[in-house]
Protein backbone atom coordinates (compact mmCIF):
# COMPACT_ATOMS: atom_id res chain seq x y z
CA MET A 1 0.00 0.00 0.00
CA LYS A 2 1.08 3.57 -0.50
CA LYS A 3 2.97 5.17 2.35
CA TYR A 4 2.69 8.76 3.51
CA GLU A 5 4.30 10.80 6.25
CA LEU A 6 1.64 10.51 8.91
CA ASN A 7 1.99 14.05 10.29
CA SER A 8 1.08 15.74 7.00
CA ARG A 9 -2.00 16.71 5.01
CA ASN A 10 -1.73 13.59 2.84
CA GLY A 11 -1.21 11.48 5.94
CA LEU A 12 -4.23 12.99 7.66
CA CYS A 13 -6.54 12.51 4.65
CA ASN A 14 -5.62 8.88 4.15
CA PHE A 15 -5.49 7.97 7.84
CA PHE A 16 -8.85 9.68 8.48
CA ALA A 17 -10.49 8.04 5.45
CA GLU A 18 -9.27 4.64 6.62
CA TYR A 19 -10.51 5.30 10.15
CA ILE A 20 -14.02 6.33 9.07
CA SER A 21 -14.30 3.44 6.60
CA THR A 22 -13.34 0.96 9.33
CA GLU A 23 -15.91 2.44 11.71
CA LEU A 24 -18.73 2.38 9.14
CA SER A 25 -17.92 -1.06 7.75
CA GLU A 26 -17.47 -2.53 11.24
CA ASN A 27 -14.00 -3.77 10.31
CA GLY A 28 -15.07 -5.31 7.01
CA LYS A 29 -18.57 -6.58 7.78
CA TYR A 30 -20.03 -4.03 5.36
CA SER A 31 -18.62 -2.59 2.15
CA SER A 32 -17.75 1.09 2.44
CA VAL A 33 -15.98 3.78 0.42
CA ILE A 34 -14.92 7.04 2.06
CA SER A 35 -12.89 9.95 0.71
CA VAL A 36 -11.49 12.81 2.77
CA THR A 37 -10.57 16.18 1.26
CA ASP A 38 -8.52 18.72 3.19
CA CYS A 39 -9.35 22.26 2.09
CA GLU A 40 -7.08 23.80 4.76
CA SER A 41 -9.72 25.28 7.08
CA LEU A 42 -12.37 22.76 6.04
CA ILE A 43 -12.35 18.96 5.83
CA LEU A 44 -14.91 17.38 3.50
CA ILE A 45 -15.96 13.75 4.09
CA LYS A 46 -17.83 11.98 1.28
CA GLY A 47 -18.78 8.40 0.57
CA TYR A 48 -21.26 5.59 0.95
CA THR A 49 -21.70 2.30 2.77
CA GLU A 50 -23.97 -0.71 2.52
CA ASN A 51 -24.40 -0.54 6.30
CA GLU A 52 -28.05 0.39 6.86
CA LYS A 53 -27.50 1.50 10.44
CA ILE A 54 -27.23 5.28 10.19
CA GLN A 55 -24.40 6.63 12.30
CA ASN A 56 -23.66 10.18 13.34
CA ILE A 57 -20.46 11.05 11.49
CA LYS A 58 -19.80 13.83 13.99
CA ASP A 59 -19.48 11.18 16.71
CA ILE A 60 -16.87 9.33 14.64
CA ILE A 61 -15.02 12.61 14.02
CA ASN A 62 -14.96 13.45 17.73
CA LYS A 63 -13.75 9.93 18.54
CA PHE A 64 -10.97 10.30 15.97
CA ILE A 65 -9.88 13.65 17.41
CA SER A 66 -9.81 12.29 20.98
CA GLU A 67 -7.73 9.28 19.93
CA HIS A 68 -5.36 10.73 17.33
CA SER A 69 -5.12 14.54 17.46
CA GLN A 70 -1.70 14.30 19.18
CA GLU A 71 -0.31 12.56 16.08
CA PHE A 72 -1.15 15.50 13.81
CA THR A 73 0.81 18.38 15.28
CA PHE A 74 0.79 20.42 12.05
CA ILE A 75 -2.88 21.28 12.65
CA ASP A 76 -5.30 21.80 15.52
CA LEU A 77 -8.02 19.32 14.57
CA GLU A 78 -10.43 20.66 17.17
CA LYS A 79 -10.53 23.99 15.34
CA VAL A 80 -11.10 22.54 11.86
CA SER A 81 -14.63 22.60 10.43
CA THR A 82 -15.99 19.45 8.79
CA ILE A 83 -18.77 18.71 6.31
CA ASP A 84 -19.92 15.12 5.83
CA MET A 85 -21.95 13.70 2.97
CA VAL A 86 -22.20 9.96 3.61
CA SER A 87 -25.12 7.83 2.40
CA PHE A 88 -26.16 4.57 4.08
CA GLY A 89 -27.75 1.35 2.79
CA GLU A 90 -26.13 1.70 -0.66
CA LYS A 91 -25.91 -2.01 -1.54
CA THR A 92 -26.20 -1.69 -5.32
CA LYS A 93 -23.07 0.48 -5.59
CA PHE A 94 -20.82 -2.42 -4.62
CA LYS A 95 -21.76 -4.95 -7.30
CA ASN A 96 -18.81 -4.16 -9.57
CA LYS A 97 -15.41 -5.40 -8.32
CA SER A 98 -12.96 -4.71 -11.12
CA LEU A 99 -9.51 -3.25 -10.70
CA LYS A 100 -6.55 -2.24 -12.84
CA TRP A 101 -3.39 -2.40 -10.76
CA ARG A 102 0.22 -1.58 -11.63
CA PHE A 103 3.41 -2.53 -9.80
CA GLU A 104 6.73 -0.89 -10.71
CA LYS A 105 9.73 -2.63 -9.20
CA TYR A 106 11.97 0.40 -8.70
CA VAL A 107 9.46 3.14 -7.92
CA HIS A 108 6.85 1.28 -5.89
CA PHE A 109 7.57 3.19 -2.69
CA PRO A 110 9.46 6.34 -3.64
CA ASN A 111 10.88 8.27 -0.70
CA TYR A 112 11.33 11.56 -2.50
CA THR A 113 9.26 14.26 -4.17
CA VAL A 114 10.02 16.17 -7.36
CA ASN A 115 8.56 19.59 -8.15
CA GLU A 116 6.02 19.24 -5.38
CA VAL A 117 3.08 21.57 -5.86
CA ILE A 118 1.59 23.15 -2.76
CA THR A 119 -2.17 23.10 -3.20
CA PRO A 120 -5.03 24.22 -0.97
CA VAL A 121 -6.82 20.92 -1.67
CA VAL A 122 -5.49 17.46 -0.74
CA ASN A 123 -7.50 14.24 -1.21
CA SER A 124 -7.24 10.76 0.26
CA GLU A 125 -6.13 8.18 -2.27
CA PHE A 126 -7.04 4.59 -3.11
CA PRO A 127 -6.82 2.07 -1.45
CA TYR A 128 -7.27 4.08 1.76
CA GLY A 129 -10.93 4.59 2.62
CA PHE A 130 -11.99 1.32 1.00
CA SER A 131 -13.25 -1.49 3.22
CA LYS A 132 -11.52 -4.87 3.37
CA ASN A 133 -14.29 -6.63 1.48
CA TYR A 134 -14.52 -4.02 -1.25
CA LEU A 135 -11.43 -3.66 -3.46
CA LYS A 136 -8.90 -3.27 -0.62
CA ASN A 137 -8.29 -7.01 -0.20
CA LEU A 138 -8.28 -7.41 -4.01
CA TYR A 139 -5.61 -4.68 -4.23
CA LEU A 140 -3.56 -6.34 -1.50
CA TYR A 141 -3.85 -9.75 -3.16
CA LEU A 142 -2.37 -8.39 -6.38
CA GLU A 143 0.38 -6.76 -4.35
CA HIS A 144 0.98 -10.10 -2.62
CA ILE A 145 1.28 -11.91 -5.97
CA SER A 146 3.61 -9.27 -7.42
CA TYR A 147 5.89 -9.35 -4.40
CA ASN A 148 6.15 -13.14 -4.57
CA ILE A 149 6.92 -13.35 -8.29
CA GLN A 150 9.06 -10.27 -8.95
CA ASP A 151 12.42 -12.03 -8.34
CA TYR A 152 11.50 -14.98 -10.55
CA PHE A 153 10.17 -13.51 -13.77
CA GLY A 154 12.45 -10.59 -14.62
CA TYR A 155 10.13 -7.62 -14.96
CA ASN A 156 10.41 -3.95 -14.09
CA PHE A 157 6.67 -3.39 -14.23
CA ILE A 158 3.51 -5.45 -14.32
CA GLU A 159 -0.09 -4.31 -14.73
CA PHE A 160 -3.08 -6.50 -13.92
CA ASP A 161 -6.65 -6.00 -15.10
CA VAL A 162 -8.82 -8.24 -12.90
CA GLU A 163 -12.40 -8.89 -11.77
CA GLU A 164 -13.65 -10.48 -8.55
CA ASP A 165 -16.97 -12.36 -8.52
CA SER A 166 -19.46 -12.61 -5.64
CA SER A 167 -17.73 -15.75 -4.33
CA GLY A 168 -14.31 -14.12 -4.14
CA ASN A 169 -12.86 -15.82 -7.20
CA ILE A 170 -10.52 -13.61 -9.24
CA GLU A 171 -10.30 -13.62 -13.01
CA ILE A 172 -7.27 -12.11 -14.73
CA ILE A 173 -8.60 -10.23 -17.75
CA SER A 174 -5.21 -9.11 -19.01
CA ILE A 175 -1.57 -8.67 -18.01
CA LEU A 176 0.78 -6.01 -19.35
CA THR A 177 4.45 -6.45 -18.48
CA ASP A 178 8.04 -6.21 -19.70
CA SER A 179 8.87 -9.66 -18.28
CA PHE A 180 10.96 -12.01 -20.39
CA TYR A 181 7.92 -14.30 -20.19
CA SER A 182 5.00 -13.49 -22.47
CA SER A 183 1.83 -12.21 -20.80
CA THR A 184 0.07 -15.48 -21.68
CA LYS A 185 2.85 -17.56 -20.12
CA LEU A 186 3.05 -15.35 -17.05
CA LYS A 187 -0.72 -15.60 -16.55
CA SER A 188 -0.49 -19.39 -16.76
CA ILE A 189 2.33 -19.44 -14.18
CA ILE A 190 0.31 -17.26 -11.78
CA LEU A 191 -2.77 -19.46 -12.12
CA ASP A 192 -0.63 -22.53 -11.41
CA ASN A 193 0.84 -21.07 -8.23
CA PHE A 194 -1.92 -18.99 -6.65
CA GLU A 195 -5.45 -19.93 -5.68
CA MET A 196 -6.88 -16.78 -7.31
CA ASP A 197 -9.41 -16.71 -4.49
CA ILE A 198 -9.69 -13.67 -2.25
CA SER A 199 -9.76 -15.94 0.81
CA GLU A 200 -6.01 -16.46 0.35
CA ILE A 201 -5.37 -12.83 1.28
CA ASN A 202 -8.22 -12.71 3.81
CA ASN A 203 -6.37 -15.24 5.94
CA LEU A 204 -3.29 -12.99 5.96
CA ILE A 205 -5.09 -9.76 6.81
CA SER A 206 -7.84 -11.05 9.11
CA SER A 207 -6.37 -9.40 12.21
CA HIS A 208 -4.38 -6.61 10.55
CA ASP A 209 -5.12 -3.06 11.68
CA PHE A 210 -5.13 -0.93 8.54
CA VAL A 211 -5.90 2.25 10.45
CA ARG A 212 -2.42 1.98 11.98
CA ASP A 213 -0.76 0.66 8.84
CA MET A 214 0.88 3.93 7.83
CA LEU A 215 2.89 3.93 11.05
CA TYR A 216 4.84 0.79 10.19
CA SER A 217 7.33 -0.42 7.63
CA ILE A 218 5.83 -2.10 4.57
CA ASN A 219 8.00 -5.12 5.34
CA SER A 220 5.94 -5.82 8.47
CA SER A 221 2.73 -6.12 6.48
CA PRO A 222 1.52 -9.75 6.44
CA TRP A 223 0.58 -9.82 2.75
CA TYR A 224 4.10 -8.70 1.87
CA VAL A 225 5.73 -11.84 3.25
CA VAL A 226 7.05 -14.27 0.65
CA LYS A 227 5.44 -17.69 0.86
CA GLU A 228 7.43 -20.17 2.95
CA ASN A 229 9.32 -22.81 0.96
CA SER A 230 8.07 -21.13 -2.18
CA GLU A 231 8.71 -23.10 -5.37
CA PHE A 232 7.10 -21.72 -8.48
CA ARG A 233 6.05 -24.20 -11.09
CA VAL A 234 7.12 -23.04 -14.55
CA ILE A 235 5.84 -25.48 -17.16
């Protein structure tokens, strides 16, 4: 997952979006999508959830401030105004689970900025603010696959276009890569070595706290651990 300096506007937007999504989805029980926009003196919260139990977003905001305001010293959260536009019971919006995902070996987690533009508006970014059972675990599964195969198949970048069905099965629609294997061959190798079922990543992330994820090294993330005794079948 993308990493941000926590005590920053980007860090706040993504951390806050993740926090609200977790609260609304009850840690993955319901699908939820939340975005947070920092407009300097105003924070805008937008999104939707399939959870039908209407919650007071102000209560979640106050809980967040009481638990985490000391981690955001660049701003006094208690003095920031908020506007929330969150709709509940939105089950039909979560039917489509398709994702295009790109991994670049040498720039996956850049630790520098070039020609950074200071803007009055900063938004949270995918996959933060997405619940575990809606696109987040699919994103992490593709990251898990890429991390496990990158040393075997000689690529600098790989791009997956995938769809997840209602049972959690994943279909690879296409692969774009500069690997010395063809996309067809690489797809066959992946299908031979991974279950292509979202439950494979669910077992790894079942107890993982994504709200705190930005505080830790990516290497401590459970989906980023190479499979034990991994032997890839290349036929």
